[in-house]
Amino acid sequence: MVLLDTCTLLWLAGDPASLSERARAAITAEAGGLGVSAISAFEIAVKHRRGKLELPLPPDAWYAEAVSSFGLREIPVDGRCALTAAALPPIHNDPCDRFIIATAAIHGLPILTPDKTIARYDAVRTVW
């Protein structure tokens, strides 16, 4: 399984041409094995509410449709994830990305992300 970061989820569902060739290949290879952190639902809803993200549906409906359409396995955020995110080195300041990094580290998953800052963490492997 591979873990999608929020940006990758948004591109997969709405702008697949923005995905890199390696990301598309990983998505194809992992069909049925794509994961998403529940924090991505939060991040999408907050960006939409602030007017920084347009969606064709309300965030809850958009997210449910994306999870269903792509057969994503949603990985919940729990106390262990929160504590792991808080303990990460202060490389990335985005709290949502820190939760995604923690989720990947806990579950031993690579992250599909174009974010070069995430790639600086030794605890995870990124693909892009």
N, C-alpha and C. Protein backbone atom coordinates (compact mmCIF):
# COMPACT_ATOMS: atom_id res chain seq x y z
N MET A 1 0.84 -1.17 0.00
CA MET A 1 0.00 0.00 0.00
C MET A 1 0.89 1.24 0.00
N VAL A 2 0.38 2.29 -0.63
CA VAL A 2 1.03 3.60 -0.61
C VAL A 2 0.03 4.61 -0.04
N LEU A 3 0.55 5.65 0.59
CA LEU A 3 -0.27 6.68 1.20
C LEU A 3 -0.26 7.92 0.32
N LEU A 4 -1.43 8.41 -0.03
CA LEU A 4 -1.53 9.63 -0.82
C LEU A 4 -1.48 10.83 0.10
N ASP A 5 -0.70 11.84 -0.25
CA ASP A 5 -0.83 13.08 0.50
C ASP A 5 -2.05 13.82 -0.06
N THR A 6 -2.45 14.89 0.58
CA THR A 6 -3.68 15.58 0.20
C THR A 6 -3.61 16.11 -1.22
N CYS A 7 -2.50 16.69 -1.60
CA CYS A 7 -2.32 17.22 -2.95
C CYS A 7 -2.48 16.11 -3.98
N THR A 8 -1.88 14.97 -3.72
CA THR A 8 -1.96 13.86 -4.65
C THR A 8 -3.40 13.36 -4.76
N LEU A 9 -4.11 13.30 -3.65
CA LEU A 9 -5.52 12.91 -3.68
C LEU A 9 -6.32 13.88 -4.54
N LEU A 10 -6.12 15.18 -4.35
CA LEU A 10 -6.84 16.18 -5.12
C LEU A 10 -6.53 16.04 -6.62
N TRP A 11 -5.28 15.81 -6.97
CA TRP A 11 -4.92 15.65 -8.38
C TRP A 11 -5.46 14.35 -8.94
N LEU A 12 -5.39 13.27 -8.18
CA LEU A 12 -5.91 11.99 -8.65
C LEU A 12 -7.39 12.13 -9.01
N ALA A 13 -8.15 12.80 -8.17
CA ALA A 13 -9.59 12.92 -8.38
C ALA A 13 -9.98 14.02 -9.35
N GLY A 14 -9.18 15.07 -9.45
CA GLY A 14 -9.62 16.22 -10.25
C GLY A 14 -8.70 16.68 -11.36
N ASP A 15 -7.44 16.29 -11.32
CA ASP A 15 -6.48 16.77 -12.32
C ASP A 15 -5.36 15.74 -12.48
N PRO A 16 -5.72 14.52 -12.96
CA PRO A 16 -4.71 13.46 -13.02
C PRO A 16 -3.49 13.79 -13.88
N ALA A 17 -3.62 14.73 -14.81
CA ALA A 17 -2.47 15.12 -15.64
C ALA A 17 -1.37 15.76 -14.81
N SER A 18 -1.71 16.26 -13.62
CA SER A 18 -0.70 16.88 -12.74
C SER A 18 0.15 15.84 -12.00
N LEU A 19 -0.27 14.60 -12.02
CA LEU A 19 0.51 13.54 -11.37
C LEU A 19 1.74 13.23 -12.21
N SER A 20 2.85 12.95 -11.54
CA SER A 20 4.06 12.57 -12.26
C SER A 20 3.88 11.16 -12.85
N GLU A 21 4.74 10.83 -13.79
CA GLU A 21 4.71 9.47 -14.37
C GLU A 21 4.93 8.42 -13.29
N ARG A 22 5.89 8.67 -12.39
CA ARG A 22 6.16 7.70 -11.31
C ARG A 22 4.95 7.57 -10.39
N ALA A 23 4.27 8.67 -10.10
CA ALA A 23 3.08 8.61 -9.25
C ALA A 23 1.99 7.82 -9.93
N ARG A 24 1.76 8.07 -11.21
CA ARG A 24 0.74 7.30 -11.95
C ARG A 24 1.07 5.82 -11.97
N ALA A 25 2.35 5.50 -12.16
CA ALA A 25 2.76 4.10 -12.18
C ALA A 25 2.54 3.45 -10.82
N ALA A 26 2.87 4.17 -9.75
CA ALA A 26 2.67 3.63 -8.40
C ALA A 26 1.19 3.43 -8.12
N ILE A 27 0.35 4.35 -8.56
CA ILE A 27 -1.10 4.24 -8.35
C ILE A 27 -1.63 3.01 -9.10
N THR A 28 -1.17 2.83 -10.33
CA THR A 28 -1.60 1.67 -11.11
C THR A 28 -1.11 0.37 -10.46
N ALA A 29 0.14 0.36 -10.03
CA ALA A 29 0.71 -0.84 -9.41
C ALA A 29 0.05 -1.18 -8.09
N GLU A 30 -0.44 -0.17 -7.40
CA GLU A 30 -1.04 -0.37 -6.07
C GLU A 30 -2.57 -0.34 -6.12
N ALA A 31 -3.15 -0.54 -7.30
CA ALA A 31 -4.62 -0.51 -7.40
C ALA A 31 -5.21 -1.40 -6.31
N GLY A 32 -6.12 -0.85 -5.54
CA GLY A 32 -6.69 -1.57 -4.41
C GLY A 32 -5.85 -1.44 -3.16
N GLY A 33 -4.71 -0.79 -3.26
CA GLY A 33 -3.82 -0.64 -2.13
C GLY A 33 -3.41 0.81 -1.92
N LEU A 34 -4.34 1.72 -2.14
CA LEU A 34 -4.06 3.13 -1.92
C LEU A 34 -4.67 3.57 -0.61
N GLY A 35 -3.88 4.26 0.20
CA GLY A 35 -4.37 4.75 1.48
C GLY A 35 -4.40 6.26 1.52
N VAL A 36 -5.20 6.77 2.43
CA VAL A 36 -5.30 8.21 2.67
C VAL A 36 -5.50 8.42 4.16
N SER A 37 -4.79 9.39 4.71
CA SER A 37 -4.97 9.72 6.11
C SER A 37 -6.28 10.49 6.28
N ALA A 38 -6.99 10.22 7.34
CA ALA A 38 -8.23 10.96 7.62
C ALA A 38 -7.97 12.45 7.74
N ILE A 39 -6.75 12.85 8.05
CA ILE A 39 -6.43 14.27 8.17
C ILE A 39 -6.60 14.98 6.83
N SER A 40 -6.51 14.24 5.72
CA SER A 40 -6.72 14.86 4.41
C SER A 40 -8.15 15.38 4.27
N ALA A 41 -9.13 14.69 4.85
CA ALA A 41 -10.51 15.18 4.82
C ALA A 41 -10.60 16.54 5.52
N PHE A 42 -9.95 16.63 6.66
CA PHE A 42 -9.91 17.89 7.42
C PHE A 42 -9.25 18.99 6.59
N GLU A 43 -8.10 18.68 6.02
CA GLU A 43 -7.35 19.68 5.24
C GLU A 43 -8.16 20.17 4.05
N ILE A 44 -8.83 19.27 3.35
CA ILE A 44 -9.65 19.64 2.21
C ILE A 44 -10.80 20.53 2.64
N ALA A 45 -11.48 20.15 3.72
CA ALA A 45 -12.62 20.94 4.20
C ALA A 45 -12.19 22.34 4.64
N VAL A 46 -11.07 22.45 5.33
CA VAL A 46 -10.59 23.75 5.80
C VAL A 46 -10.21 24.63 4.61
N LYS A 47 -9.48 24.07 3.65
CA LYS A 47 -9.08 24.87 2.47
C LYS A 47 -10.32 25.33 1.69
N HIS A 48 -11.30 24.46 1.58
CA HIS A 48 -12.53 24.82 0.87
C HIS A 48 -13.26 25.95 1.61
N ARG A 49 -13.39 25.82 2.91
CA ARG A 49 -14.08 26.83 3.72
C ARG A 49 -13.40 28.19 3.61
N ARG A 50 -12.08 28.19 3.53
CA ARG A 50 -11.32 29.44 3.43
C ARG A 50 -11.28 30.02 2.02
N GLY A 51 -11.91 29.31 1.07
CA GLY A 51 -11.93 29.79 -0.30
C GLY A 51 -10.66 29.51 -1.08
N LYS A 52 -9.80 28.63 -0.57
CA LYS A 52 -8.53 28.32 -1.24
C LYS A 52 -8.62 27.07 -2.11
N LEU A 53 -9.79 26.43 -2.10
CA LEU A 53 -9.96 25.20 -2.87
C LEU A 53 -11.39 25.12 -3.38
N GLU A 54 -11.52 25.08 -4.69
CA GLU A 54 -12.84 24.90 -5.29
C GLU A 54 -13.06 23.41 -5.54
N LEU A 55 -14.25 22.96 -5.22
CA LEU A 55 -14.63 21.57 -5.43
C LEU A 55 -15.98 21.55 -6.15
N PRO A 56 -16.24 20.50 -6.94
CA PRO A 56 -17.52 20.41 -7.63
C PRO A 56 -18.68 19.99 -6.71
N LEU A 57 -18.34 19.55 -5.51
CA LEU A 57 -19.32 19.10 -4.51
C LEU A 57 -18.92 19.67 -3.16
N PRO A 58 -19.83 19.66 -2.18
CA PRO A 58 -19.40 20.02 -0.83
C PRO A 58 -18.28 19.08 -0.39
N PRO A 59 -17.38 19.55 0.50
CA PRO A 59 -16.21 18.73 0.87
C PRO A 59 -16.55 17.33 1.37
N ASP A 60 -17.60 17.18 2.18
CA ASP A 60 -17.92 15.85 2.68
C ASP A 60 -18.33 14.90 1.56
N ALA A 61 -19.14 15.40 0.62
CA ALA A 61 -19.57 14.57 -0.51
C ALA A 61 -18.39 14.30 -1.46
N TRP A 62 -17.56 15.33 -1.69
CA TRP A 62 -16.40 15.16 -2.57
C TRP A 62 -15.46 14.09 -2.01
N TYR A 63 -15.16 14.18 -0.73
CA TYR A 63 -14.23 13.25 -0.10
C TYR A 63 -14.79 11.82 -0.14
N ALA A 64 -16.07 11.66 0.22
CA ALA A 64 -16.69 10.33 0.21
C ALA A 64 -16.65 9.74 -1.20
N GLU A 65 -16.91 10.56 -2.20
CA GLU A 65 -16.89 10.10 -3.59
C GLU A 65 -15.47 9.70 -4.00
N ALA A 66 -14.47 10.49 -3.62
CA ALA A 66 -13.08 10.17 -3.97
C ALA A 66 -12.64 8.86 -3.32
N VAL A 67 -12.95 8.69 -2.05
CA VAL A 67 -12.58 7.46 -1.34
C VAL A 67 -13.24 6.25 -2.00
N SER A 68 -14.52 6.39 -2.31
CA SER A 68 -15.26 5.30 -2.93
C SER A 68 -14.78 5.02 -4.36
N SER A 69 -14.65 6.05 -5.16
CA SER A 69 -14.29 5.89 -6.58
C SER A 69 -12.92 5.24 -6.78
N PHE A 70 -11.98 5.58 -5.91
CA PHE A 70 -10.61 5.06 -6.07
C PHE A 70 -10.29 3.92 -5.12
N GLY A 71 -11.30 3.46 -4.38
CA GLY A 71 -11.09 2.33 -3.47
C GLY A 71 -10.03 2.60 -2.42
N LEU A 72 -10.03 3.84 -1.90
CA LEU A 72 -9.00 4.22 -0.92
C LEU A 72 -9.30 3.63 0.44
N ARG A 73 -8.26 3.25 1.14
CA ARG A 73 -8.40 2.82 2.52
C ARG A 73 -8.08 4.02 3.40
N GLU A 74 -9.07 4.49 4.14
CA GLU A 74 -8.86 5.63 5.02
C GLU A 74 -8.21 5.15 6.31
N ILE A 75 -7.11 5.79 6.67
CA ILE A 75 -6.39 5.45 7.90
C ILE A 75 -6.71 6.53 8.93
N PRO A 76 -7.33 6.12 10.04
CA PRO A 76 -7.74 7.12 11.04
C PRO A 76 -6.57 7.77 11.75
N VAL A 77 -6.84 8.95 12.27
CA VAL A 77 -5.88 9.66 13.11
C VAL A 77 -6.22 9.27 14.55
N ASP A 78 -5.23 8.79 15.27
CA ASP A 78 -5.45 8.41 16.67
C ASP A 78 -4.38 9.06 17.54
N GLY A 79 -4.41 8.75 18.80
CA GLY A 79 -3.44 9.35 19.73
C GLY A 79 -2.01 9.04 19.37
N ARG A 80 -1.73 7.82 18.96
CA ARG A 80 -0.36 7.45 18.58
C ARG A 80 0.11 8.31 17.40
N CYS A 81 -0.78 8.50 16.44
CA CYS A 81 -0.43 9.33 15.28
C CYS A 81 -0.18 10.78 15.71
N ALA A 82 -1.03 11.30 16.58
CA ALA A 82 -0.87 12.68 17.05
C ALA A 82 0.46 12.85 17.78
N LEU A 83 0.79 11.91 18.63
CA LEU A 83 2.04 12.00 19.39
C LEU A 83 3.26 11.85 18.47
N THR A 84 3.16 10.96 17.48
CA THR A 84 4.25 10.80 16.53
C THR A 84 4.43 12.06 15.70
N ALA A 85 3.33 12.67 15.25
CA ALA A 85 3.41 13.92 14.48
C ALA A 85 4.06 15.02 15.30
N ALA A 86 3.72 15.10 16.58
CA ALA A 86 4.29 16.13 17.45
C ALA A 86 5.78 15.91 17.70
N ALA A 87 6.21 14.66 17.68
CA ALA A 87 7.61 14.33 17.98
C ALA A 87 8.53 14.43 16.76
N LEU A 88 7.97 14.61 15.57
CA LEU A 88 8.80 14.71 14.37
C LEU A 88 9.73 15.92 14.46
N PRO A 89 10.90 15.81 13.83
CA PRO A 89 11.79 16.98 13.78
C PRO A 89 11.05 18.16 13.11
N PRO A 90 11.39 19.37 13.48
CA PRO A 90 10.66 20.54 12.97
C PRO A 90 11.07 20.94 11.54
N ILE A 91 11.02 19.98 10.64
CA ILE A 91 11.37 20.26 9.24
C ILE A 91 10.18 20.87 8.52
N HIS A 92 9.01 20.31 8.75
CA HIS A 92 7.79 20.76 8.07
C HIS A 92 6.88 21.44 9.08
N ASN A 93 6.41 22.64 8.74
CA ASN A 93 5.55 23.38 9.66
C ASN A 93 4.07 23.12 9.47
N ASP A 94 3.68 22.48 8.38
CA ASP A 94 2.27 22.22 8.10
C ASP A 94 1.80 21.05 8.97
N PRO A 95 0.88 21.31 9.92
CA PRO A 95 0.44 20.24 10.82
C PRO A 95 -0.22 19.08 10.08
N CYS A 96 -0.96 19.34 9.02
CA CYS A 96 -1.60 18.25 8.28
C CYS A 96 -0.55 17.35 7.65
N ASP A 97 0.48 17.94 7.07
CA ASP A 97 1.55 17.13 6.49
C ASP A 97 2.28 16.33 7.56
N ARG A 98 2.42 16.90 8.72
CA ARG A 98 3.07 16.17 9.82
C ARG A 98 2.25 14.94 10.20
N PHE A 99 0.93 15.05 10.18
CA PHE A 99 0.07 13.89 10.45
C PHE A 99 0.21 12.84 9.35
N ILE A 100 0.31 13.28 8.11
CA ILE A 100 0.50 12.34 7.00
C ILE A 100 1.84 11.63 7.13
N ILE A 101 2.88 12.37 7.47
CA ILE A 101 4.21 11.77 7.68
C ILE A 101 4.15 10.76 8.82
N ALA A 102 3.52 11.12 9.92
CA ALA A 102 3.39 10.21 11.07
C ALA A 102 2.61 8.96 10.68
N THR A 103 1.54 9.12 9.94
CA THR A 103 0.74 7.97 9.50
C THR A 103 1.60 7.02 8.68
N ALA A 104 2.35 7.58 7.73
CA ALA A 104 3.21 6.74 6.89
C ALA A 104 4.28 6.04 7.71
N ALA A 105 4.88 6.76 8.65
CA ALA A 105 5.93 6.16 9.48
C ALA A 105 5.38 5.02 10.34
N ILE A 106 4.25 5.24 10.96
CA ILE A 106 3.64 4.21 11.82
C ILE A 106 3.31 2.95 11.04
N HIS A 107 2.78 3.12 9.85
CA HIS A 107 2.30 1.99 9.05
C HIS A 107 3.33 1.48 8.04
N GLY A 108 4.51 2.10 8.02
CA GLY A 108 5.56 1.67 7.11
C GLY A 108 5.19 1.83 5.64
N LEU A 109 4.54 2.96 5.32
CA LEU A 109 4.07 3.20 3.96
C LEU A 109 4.86 4.30 3.27
N PRO A 110 5.13 4.15 1.98
CA PRO A 110 5.68 5.27 1.23
C PRO A 110 4.57 6.29 0.98
N ILE A 111 4.95 7.55 0.81
CA ILE A 111 3.99 8.62 0.55
C ILE A 111 4.14 9.07 -0.90
N LEU A 112 3.01 9.12 -1.61
CA LEU A 112 3.00 9.71 -2.95
C LEU A 112 2.81 11.20 -2.77
N THR A 113 3.87 11.97 -3.02
CA THR A 113 3.83 13.41 -2.80
C THR A 113 4.85 14.15 -3.64
N PRO A 114 4.48 15.32 -4.14
CA PRO A 114 5.47 16.16 -4.80
C PRO A 114 6.21 17.08 -3.81
N ASP A 115 5.83 17.00 -2.54
CA ASP A 115 6.37 17.89 -1.50
C ASP A 115 7.80 17.49 -1.13
N LYS A 116 8.75 18.30 -1.54
CA LYS A 116 10.16 18.00 -1.27
C LYS A 116 10.51 18.11 0.22
N THR A 117 9.74 18.87 0.97
CA THR A 117 9.99 18.97 2.40
C THR A 117 9.67 17.66 3.09
N ILE A 118 8.59 17.01 2.69
CA ILE A 118 8.24 15.70 3.26
C ILE A 118 9.36 14.70 2.98
N ALA A 119 9.95 14.78 1.80
CA ALA A 119 11.02 13.86 1.42
C ALA A 119 12.26 14.01 2.30
N ARG A 120 12.37 15.10 3.04
CA ARG A 120 13.53 15.31 3.91
C ARG A 120 13.47 14.50 5.21
N TYR A 121 12.34 13.89 5.50
CA TYR A 121 12.21 13.09 6.73
C TYR A 121 12.78 11.70 6.51
N ASP A 122 13.68 11.31 7.40
CA ASP A 122 14.28 9.97 7.32
C ASP A 122 13.28 8.87 7.64
N ALA A 123 12.21 9.19 8.36
CA ALA A 123 11.25 8.19 8.82
C ALA A 123 10.36 7.66 7.70
N VAL A 124 10.34 8.34 6.55
CA VAL A 124 9.46 7.92 5.46
C VAL A 124 10.18 7.93 4.12
N ARG A 125 9.59 7.19 3.20
CA ARG A 125 10.07 7.19 1.82
C ARG A 125 8.99 7.85 0.97
N THR A 126 9.40 8.67 0.04
CA THR A 126 8.44 9.33 -0.84
C THR A 126 8.64 8.86 -2.27
N VAL A 127 7.55 8.95 -3.03
CA VAL A 127 7.57 8.62 -4.45
C VAL A 127 6.96 9.79 -5.17
N TRP A 128 7.63 10.25 -6.20
CA TRP A 128 7.05 11.24 -7.09
C TRP A 128 7.76 11.17 -8.42
